[in-house]
Amino acid sequence: MPLPSPAFLAPGVPQILEGPQPRPTTELAQAEELLEQQLELYQAMLEGQEGAWEAQALVLKIQKLKEQMRRHRESLRDDA
């Protein structure tokens, strides 16, 4: 049984799967550029998020160390 044509699967959509591919238009080039900029932005945001996670881990470590130091000081006072 032959496969249905793309027009059957998506009526009203141009037949982009058949025939020679058109050269990119100005609009297509602009859309590609916008997508590239968006990708770069999302990558930068991801790197920033990774940095935020690292900073949060450091904050938690520092808080833990401060608590350990406080307990140690208290134990030294109790020993005196």
PDB file of N, CA and C in Angstrom:
ATOM      1  N   MET A   1       0.855  -1.183   0.000  1.00  0.00           N
ATOM      2  CA  MET A   1       0.000   0.000   0.000  1.00  0.00           C
ATOM      3  C   MET A   1       0.896   1.239   0.000  1.00  0.00           C
ATOM      4  N   PRO A   2       0.708   2.155  -0.931  1.00  0.00           N
ATOM      5  CA  PRO A   2       1.560   3.352  -0.991  1.00  0.00           C
ATOM      6  C   PRO A   2       1.266   4.293   0.171  1.00  0.00           C
ATOM      7  N   LEU A   3       2.290   5.039   0.563  1.00  0.00           N
ATOM      8  CA  LEU A   3       2.137   6.020   1.634  1.00  0.00           C
ATOM      9  C   LEU A   3       1.322   7.210   1.150  1.00  0.00           C
ATOM     10  N   PRO A   4       0.523   7.810   2.014  1.00  0.00           N
ATOM     11  CA  PRO A   4      -0.241   8.997   1.602  1.00  0.00           C
ATOM     12  C   PRO A   4       0.709  10.151   1.315  1.00  0.00           C
ATOM     13  N   SER A   5       0.263  11.029   0.466  1.00  0.00           N
ATOM     14  CA  SER A   5       1.094  12.187   0.127  1.00  0.00           C
ATOM     15  C   SER A   5       1.161  13.132   1.320  1.00  0.00           C
ATOM     16  N   PRO A   6       2.230  13.944   1.419  1.00  0.00           N
ATOM     17  CA  PRO A   6       2.322  14.909   2.517  1.00  0.00           C
ATOM     18  C   PRO A   6       1.132  15.856   2.579  1.00  0.00           C
ATOM     19  N   ALA A   7       0.528  16.167   1.435  1.00  0.00           N
ATOM     20  CA  ALA A   7      -0.630  17.065   1.420  1.00  0.00           C
ATOM     21  C   ALA A   7      -1.795  16.432   2.176  1.00  0.00           C
ATOM     22  N   PHE A   8      -1.894  15.116   2.098  1.00  0.00           N
ATOM     23  CA  PHE A   8      -2.951  14.422   2.830  1.00  0.00           C
ATOM     24  C   PHE A   8      -2.694  14.489   4.335  1.00  0.00           C
ATOM     25  N   LEU A   9      -1.436  14.355   4.727  1.00  0.00           N
ATOM     26  CA  LEU A   9      -1.086  14.380   6.145  1.00  0.00           C
ATOM     27  C   LEU A   9      -1.238  15.770   6.744  1.00  0.00           C
ATOM     28  N   ALA A  10      -0.919  16.786   5.977  1.00  0.00           N
ATOM     29  CA  ALA A  10      -1.003  18.163   6.463  1.00  0.00           C
ATOM     30  C   ALA A  10      -1.609  19.024   5.373  1.00  0.00           C
ATOM     31  N   PRO A  11      -2.941  18.996   5.234  1.00  0.00           N
ATOM     32  CA  PRO A  11      -3.565  19.781   4.170  1.00  0.00           C
ATOM     33  C   PRO A  11      -3.269  21.267   4.320  1.00  0.00           C
ATOM     34  N   GLY A  12      -3.052  21.902   3.205  1.00  0.00           N
ATOM     35  CA  GLY A  12      -2.797  23.336   3.206  1.00  0.00           C
ATOM     36  C   GLY A  12      -1.328  23.685   3.364  1.00  0.00           C
ATOM     37  N   VAL A  13      -0.490  22.701   3.699  1.00  0.00           N
ATOM     38  CA  VAL A  13       0.944  22.954   3.850  1.00  0.00           C
ATOM     39  C   VAL A  13       1.589  22.794   2.482  1.00  0.00           C
ATOM     40  N   PRO A  14       2.445  23.723   2.076  1.00  0.00           N
ATOM     41  CA  PRO A  14       3.094  23.599   0.767  1.00  0.00           C
ATOM     42  C   PRO A  14       3.869  22.290   0.658  1.00  0.00           C
ATOM     43  N   GLN A  15       4.009  21.844  -0.527  1.00  0.00           N
ATOM     44  CA  GLN A  15       4.698  20.585  -0.786  1.00  0.00           C
ATOM     45  C   GLN A  15       6.209  20.784  -0.711  1.00  0.00           C
ATOM     46  N   ILE A  16       6.732  20.871   0.498  1.00  0.00           N
ATOM     47  CA  ILE A  16       8.165  21.132   0.656  1.00  0.00           C
ATOM     48  C   ILE A  16       8.995  19.872   0.491  1.00  0.00           C
ATOM     49  N   LEU A  17       8.339  18.711   0.502  1.00  0.00           N
ATOM     50  CA  LEU A  17       9.086  17.467   0.390  1.00  0.00           C
ATOM     51  C   LEU A  17       9.256  17.020  -1.054  1.00  0.00           C
ATOM     52  N   GLU A  18       8.600  17.686  -1.967  1.00  0.00           N
ATOM     53  CA  GLU A  18       8.656  17.285  -3.364  1.00  0.00           C
ATOM     54  C   GLU A  18       9.304  18.372  -4.196  1.00  0.00           C
ATOM     55  N   GLY A  19      10.016  17.981  -5.220  1.00  0.00           N
ATOM     56  CA  GLY A  19      10.601  18.936  -6.143  1.00  0.00           C
ATOM     57  C   GLY A  19      11.844  19.601  -5.597  1.00  0.00           C
ATOM     58  N   PRO A  20      12.435  20.493  -6.387  1.00  0.00           N
ATOM     59  CA  PRO A  20      13.670  21.172  -5.964  1.00  0.00           C
ATOM     60  C   PRO A  20      13.401  22.111  -4.797  1.00  0.00           C
ATOM     61  N   GLN A  21      14.354  22.198  -3.910  1.00  0.00           N
ATOM     62  CA  GLN A  21      14.221  23.073  -2.750  1.00  0.00           C
ATOM     63  C   GLN A  21      14.489  24.519  -3.162  1.00  0.00           C
ATOM     64  N   PRO A  22      13.649  25.454  -2.724  1.00  0.00           N
ATOM     65  CA  PRO A  22      13.884  26.863  -3.064  1.00  0.00           C
ATOM     66  C   PRO A  22      15.095  27.395  -2.307  1.00  0.00           C
ATOM     67  N   ARG A  23      15.700  28.425  -2.854  1.00  0.00           N
ATOM     68  CA  ARG A  23      16.818  29.075  -2.167  1.00  0.00           C
ATOM     69  C   ARG A  23      16.274  29.796  -0.948  1.00  0.00           C
ATOM     70  N   PRO A  24      17.086  29.866   0.125  1.00  0.00           N
ATOM     71  CA  PRO A  24      16.602  30.567   1.327  1.00  0.00           C
ATOM     72  C   PRO A  24      16.237  32.008   1.004  1.00  0.00           C
ATOM     73  N   THR A  25      15.114  32.426   1.514  1.00  0.00           N
ATOM     74  CA  THR A  25      14.676  33.802   1.310  1.00  0.00           C
ATOM     75  C   THR A  25      15.252  34.675   2.408  1.00  0.00           C
ATOM     76  N   THR A  26      15.050  35.957   2.279  1.00  0.00           N
ATOM     77  CA  THR A  26      15.502  36.886   3.314  1.00  0.00           C
ATOM     78  C   THR A  26      14.817  36.574   4.633  1.00  0.00           C
ATOM     79  N   GLU A  27      13.523  36.267   4.580  1.00  0.00           N
ATOM     80  CA  GLU A  27      12.793  35.937   5.802  1.00  0.00           C
ATOM     81  C   GLU A  27      13.356  34.682   6.460  1.00  0.00           C
ATOM     82  N   LEU A  28      13.681  33.682   5.655  1.00  0.00           N
ATOM     83  CA  LEU A  28      14.243  32.448   6.197  1.00  0.00           C
ATOM     84  C   LEU A  28      15.607  32.720   6.825  1.00  0.00           C
ATOM     85  N   ALA A  29      16.409  33.528   6.162  1.00  0.00           N
ATOM     86  CA  ALA A  29      17.722  33.868   6.714  1.00  0.00           C
ATOM     87  C   ALA A  29      17.572  34.621   8.034  1.00  0.00           C
ATOM     88  N   GLN A  30      16.599  35.528   8.099  1.00  0.00           N
ATOM     89  CA  GLN A  30      16.357  36.261   9.345  1.00  0.00           C
ATOM     90  C   GLN A  30      15.880  35.318  10.450  1.00  0.00           C
ATOM     91  N   ALA A  31      15.008  34.383  10.092  1.00  0.00           N
ATOM     92  CA  ALA A  31      14.514  33.419  11.077  1.00  0.00           C
ATOM     93  C   ALA A  31      15.653  32.545  11.586  1.00  0.00           C
ATOM     94  N   GLU A  32      16.534  32.121  10.681  1.00  0.00           N
ATOM     95  CA  GLU A  32      17.685  31.316  11.092  1.00  0.00           C
ATOM     96  C   GLU A  32      18.587  32.106  12.027  1.00  0.00           C
ATOM     97  N   GLU A  33      18.794  33.383  11.730  1.00  0.00           N
ATOM     98  CA  GLU A  33      19.630  34.232  12.586  1.00  0.00           C
ATOM     99  C   GLU A  33      18.997  34.398  13.963  1.00  0.00           C
ATOM    100  N   LEU A  34      17.684  34.605  14.001  1.00  0.00           N
ATOM    101  CA  LEU A  34      16.995  34.723  15.285  1.00  0.00           C
ATOM    102  C   LEU A  34      17.101  33.432  16.092  1.00  0.00           C
ATOM    103  N   LEU A  35      16.960  32.291  15.418  1.00  0.00           N
ATOM    104  CA  LEU A  35      17.102  31.011  16.113  1.00  0.00           C
ATOM    105  C   LEU A  35      18.511  30.845  16.668  1.00  0.00           C
ATOM    106  N   GLU A  36      19.503  31.247  15.906  1.00  0.00           N
ATOM    107  CA  GLU A  36      20.891  31.160  16.370  1.00  0.00           C
ATOM    108  C   GLU A  36      21.102  32.046  17.598  1.00  0.00           C
ATOM    109  N   GLN A  37      20.553  33.260  17.558  1.00  0.00           N
ATOM    110  CA  GLN A  37      20.671  34.161  18.708  1.00  0.00           C
ATOM    111  C   GLN A  37      19.956  33.584  19.928  1.00  0.00           C
ATOM    112  N   GLN A  38      18.796  32.981  19.695  1.00  0.00           N
ATOM    113  CA  GLN A  38      18.041  32.382  20.790  1.00  0.00           C
ATOM    114  C   GLN A  38      18.820  31.213  21.395  1.00  0.00           C
ATOM    115  N   LEU A  39      19.430  30.399  20.544  1.00  0.00           N
ATOM    116  CA  LEU A  39      20.242  29.286  21.022  1.00  0.00           C
ATOM    117  C   LEU A  39      21.393  29.791  21.880  1.00  0.00           C
ATOM    118  N   GLU A  40      22.084  30.831  21.414  1.00  0.00           N
ATOM    119  CA  GLU A  40      23.191  31.402  22.182  1.00  0.00           C
ATOM    120  C   GLU A  40      22.700  31.936  23.528  1.00  0.00           C
ATOM    121  N   LEU A  41      21.542  32.573  23.529  1.00  0.00           N
ATOM    122  CA  LEU A  41      20.979  33.099  24.772  1.00  0.00           C
ATOM    123  C   LEU A  41      20.666  31.972  25.748  1.00  0.00           C
ATOM    124  N   TYR A  42      20.021  30.906  25.248  1.00  0.00           N
ATOM    125  CA  TYR A  42      19.687  29.783  26.126  1.00  0.00           C
ATOM    126  C   TYR A  42      20.941  29.098  26.654  1.00  0.00           C
ATOM    127  N   GLN A  43      21.985  29.000  25.818  1.00  0.00           N
ATOM    128  CA  GLN A  43      23.234  28.401  26.283  1.00  0.00           C
ATOM    129  C   GLN A  43      23.858  29.257  27.377  1.00  0.00           C
ATOM    130  N   ALA A  44      23.824  30.565  27.208  1.00  0.00           N
ATOM    131  CA  ALA A  44      24.362  31.466  28.234  1.00  0.00           C
ATOM    132  C   ALA A  44      23.546  31.356  29.520  1.00  0.00           C
ATOM    133  N   MET A  45      22.223  31.242  29.377  1.00  0.00           N
ATOM    134  CA  MET A  45      21.373  31.099  30.559  1.00  0.00           C
ATOM    135  C   MET A  45      21.690  29.797  31.286  1.00  0.00           C
ATOM    136  N   LEU A  46      21.916  28.728  30.519  1.00  0.00           N
ATOM    137  CA  LEU A  46      22.247  27.444  31.126  1.00  0.00           C
ATOM    138  C   LEU A  46      23.570  27.530  31.869  1.00  0.00           C
ATOM    139  N   GLU A  47      24.569  28.166  31.253  1.00  0.00           N
ATOM    140  CA  GLU A  47      25.853  28.344  31.923  1.00  0.00           C
ATOM    141  C   GLU A  47      25.680  29.174  33.188  1.00  0.00           C
ATOM    142  N   GLY A  48      24.847  30.195  33.118  1.00  0.00           N
ATOM    143  CA  GLY A  48      24.569  31.011  34.298  1.00  0.00           C
ATOM    144  C   GLY A  48      23.885  30.204  35.386  1.00  0.00           C
ATOM    145  N   GLN A  49      22.962  29.333  34.979  1.00  0.00           N
ATOM    146  CA  GLN A  49      22.271  28.487  35.960  1.00  0.00           C
ATOM    147  C   GLN A  49      23.250  27.534  36.618  1.00  0.00           C
ATOM    148  N   GLU A  50      24.168  26.969  35.822  1.00  0.00           N
ATOM    149  CA  GLU A  50      25.172  26.077  36.399  1.00  0.00           C
ATOM    150  C   GLU A  50      26.024  26.841  37.405  1.00  0.00           C
ATOM    151  N   GLY A  51      26.370  28.081  37.072  1.00  0.00           N
ATOM    152  CA  GLY A  51      27.124  28.916  38.003  1.00  0.00           C
ATOM    153  C   GLY A  51      26.326  29.193  39.266  1.00  0.00           C
ATOM    154  N   ALA A  52      25.021  29.387  39.109  1.00  0.00           N
ATOM    155  CA  ALA A  52      24.165  29.634  40.274  1.00  0.00           C
ATOM    156  C   ALA A  52      24.111  28.400  41.171  1.00  0.00           C
ATOM    157  N   TRP A  53      24.059  27.217  40.550  1.00  0.00           N
ATOM    158  CA  TRP A  53      24.050  25.989  41.357  1.00  0.00           C
ATOM    159  C   TRP A  53      25.355  25.846  42.131  1.00  0.00           C
ATOM    160  N   GLU A  54      26.478  26.145  41.461  1.00  0.00           N
ATOM    161  CA  GLU A  54      27.774  26.071  42.136  1.00  0.00           C
ATOM    162  C   GLU A  54      27.832  27.072  43.288  1.00  0.00           C
ATOM    163  N   ALA A  55      27.332  28.274  43.052  1.00  0.00           N
ATOM    164  CA  ALA A  55      27.324  29.294  44.105  1.00  0.00           C
ATOM    165  C   ALA A  55      26.451  28.840  45.274  1.00  0.00           C
ATOM    166  N   GLN A  56      25.304  28.260  44.979  1.00  0.00           N
ATOM    167  CA  GLN A  56      24.420  27.775  46.041  1.00  0.00           C
ATOM    168  C   GLN A  56      25.110  26.679  46.850  1.00  0.00           C
ATOM    169  N   ALA A  57      25.825  25.783  46.182  1.00  0.00           N
ATOM    170  CA  ALA A  57      26.548  24.723  46.895  1.00  0.00           C
ATOM    171  C   ALA A  57      27.609  25.323  47.811  1.00  0.00           C
ATOM    172  N   LEU A  58      28.300  26.361  47.327  1.00  0.00           N
ATOM    173  CA  LEU A  58      29.305  27.018  48.164  1.00  0.00           C
ATOM    174  C   LEU A  58      28.666  27.706  49.365  1.00  0.00           C
ATOM    175  N   VAL A  59      27.532  28.340  49.152  1.00  0.00           N
ATOM    176  CA  VAL A  59      26.824  28.992  50.262  1.00  0.00           C
ATOM    177  C   VAL A  59      26.467  27.955  51.324  1.00  0.00           C
ATOM    178  N   LEU A  60      25.967  26.814  50.902  1.00  0.00           N
ATOM    179  CA  LEU A  60      25.597  25.769  51.862  1.00  0.00           C
ATOM    180  C   LEU A  60      26.816  25.252  52.619  1.00  0.00           C
ATOM    181  N   LYS A  61      27.941  25.089  51.913  1.00  0.00           N
ATOM    182  CA  LYS A  61      29.170  24.644  52.581  1.00  0.00           C
ATOM    183  C   LYS A  61      29.637  25.668  53.609  1.00  0.00           C
ATOM    184  N   ILE A  62      29.585  26.937  53.242  1.00  0.00           N
ATOM    185  CA  ILE A  62      30.017  28.002  54.158  1.00  0.00           C
ATOM    186  C   ILE A  62      29.114  28.041  55.382  1.00  0.00           C
ATOM    187  N   GLN A  63      27.803  27.910  55.157  1.00  0.00           N
ATOM    188  CA  GLN A  63      26.873  27.902  56.290  1.00  0.00           C
ATOM    189  C   GLN A  63      27.171  26.726  57.224  1.00  0.00           C
ATOM    190  N   LYS A  64      27.472  25.574  56.654  1.00  0.00           N
ATOM    191  CA  LYS A  64      27.796  24.397  57.460  1.00  0.00           C
ATOM    192  C   LYS A  64      29.080  24.631  58.256  1.00  0.00           C
ATOM    193  N   LEU A  65      30.097  25.210  57.602  1.00  0.00           N
ATOM    194  CA  LEU A  65      31.355  25.500  58.299  1.00  0.00           C
ATOM    195  C   LEU A  65      31.146  26.507  59.425  1.00  0.00           C
ATOM    196  N   LYS A  66      30.336  27.530  59.172  1.00  0.00           N
ATOM    197  CA  LYS A  66      30.058  28.519  60.221  1.00  0.00           C
ATOM    198  C   LYS A  66      29.390  27.855  61.424  1.00  0.00           C
ATOM    199  N   GLU A  67      28.462  26.964  61.155  1.00  0.00           N
ATOM    200  CA  GLU A  67      27.790  26.256  62.245  1.00  0.00           C
ATOM    201  C   GLU A  67      28.782  25.374  63.009  1.00  0.00           C
ATOM    202  N   GLN A  68      29.677  24.703  62.291  1.00  0.00           N
ATOM    203  CA  GLN A  68      30.694  23.881  62.956  1.00  0.00           C
ATOM    204  C   GLN A  68      31.615  24.748  63.815  1.00  0.00           C
ATOM    205  N   MET A  69      31.999  25.904  63.298  1.00  0.00           N
ATOM    206  CA  MET A  69      32.861  26.814  64.061  1.00  0.00           C
ATOM    207  C   MET A  69      32.135  27.306  65.315  1.00  0.00           C
ATOM    208  N   ARG A  70      30.863  27.636  65.184  1.00  0.00           N
ATOM    209  CA  ARG A  70      30.089  28.096  66.339  1.00  0.00           C
ATOM    210  C   ARG A  70      30.042  27.017  67.418  1.00  0.00           C
ATOM    211  N   ARG A  71      29.778  25.778  67.006  1.00  0.00           N
ATOM    212  CA  ARG A  71      29.738  24.671  67.970  1.00  0.00           C
ATOM    213  C   ARG A  71      31.104  24.462  68.622  1.00  0.00           C
ATOM    214  N   HIS A  72      32.158  24.569  67.826  1.00  0.00           N
ATOM    215  CA  HIS A  72      33.514  24.385  68.355  1.00  0.00           C
ATOM    216  C   HIS A  72      33.826  25.463  69.399  1.00  0.00           C
ATOM    217  N   ARG A  73      33.457  26.721  69.087  1.00  0.00           N
ATOM    218  CA  ARG A  73      33.675  27.811  70.052  1.00  0.00           C
ATOM    219  C   ARG A  73      32.917  27.549  71.354  1.00  0.00           C
ATOM    220  N   GLU A  74      31.683  27.090  71.209  1.00  0.00           N
ATOM    221  CA  GLU A  74      30.881  26.792  72.403  1.00  0.00           C
ATOM    222  C   GLU A  74      31.522  25.677  73.229  1.00  0.00           C
ATOM    223  N   SER A  75      32.036  24.659  72.548  1.00  0.00           N
ATOM    224  CA  SER A  75      32.657  23.555  73.286  1.00  0.00           C
ATOM    225  C   SER A  75      33.941  24.013  73.973  1.00  0.00           C
ATOM    226  N   LEU A  76      34.676  24.958  73.362  1.00  0.00           N
ATOM    227  CA  LEU A  76      35.882  25.490  74.002  1.00  0.00           C
ATOM    228  C   LEU A  76      35.508  26.282  75.252  1.00  0.00           C
ATOM    229  N   ARG A  77      34.419  27.054  75.165  1.00  0.00           N
ATOM    230  CA  ARG A  77      33.959  27.818  76.334  1.00  0.00           C
ATOM    231  C   ARG A  77      33.512  26.887  77.457  1.00  0.00           C
ATOM    232  N   ASP A  78      32.849  25.804  77.068  1.00  0.00           N
ATOM    233  CA  ASP A  78      32.372  24.851  78.072  1.00  0.00           C
ATOM    234  C   ASP A  78      33.537  24.150  78.767  1.00  0.00           C
ATOM    235  N   ASP A  79      34.639  23.934  78.028  1.00  0.00           N
ATOM    236  CA  ASP A  79      35.823  23.278  78.597  1.00  0.00           C
ATOM    237  C   ASP A  79      36.587  24.206  79.527  1.00  0.00           C
ATOM    238  N   ALA A  80      36.438  25.511  79.352  1.00  0.00           N
ATOM    239  CA  ALA A  80      37.233  26.476  80.138  1.00  0.00           C
ATOM    240  C   ALA A  80      36.729  26.653  81.535  1.00  0.00           C
TER     241      ALA A  80
END
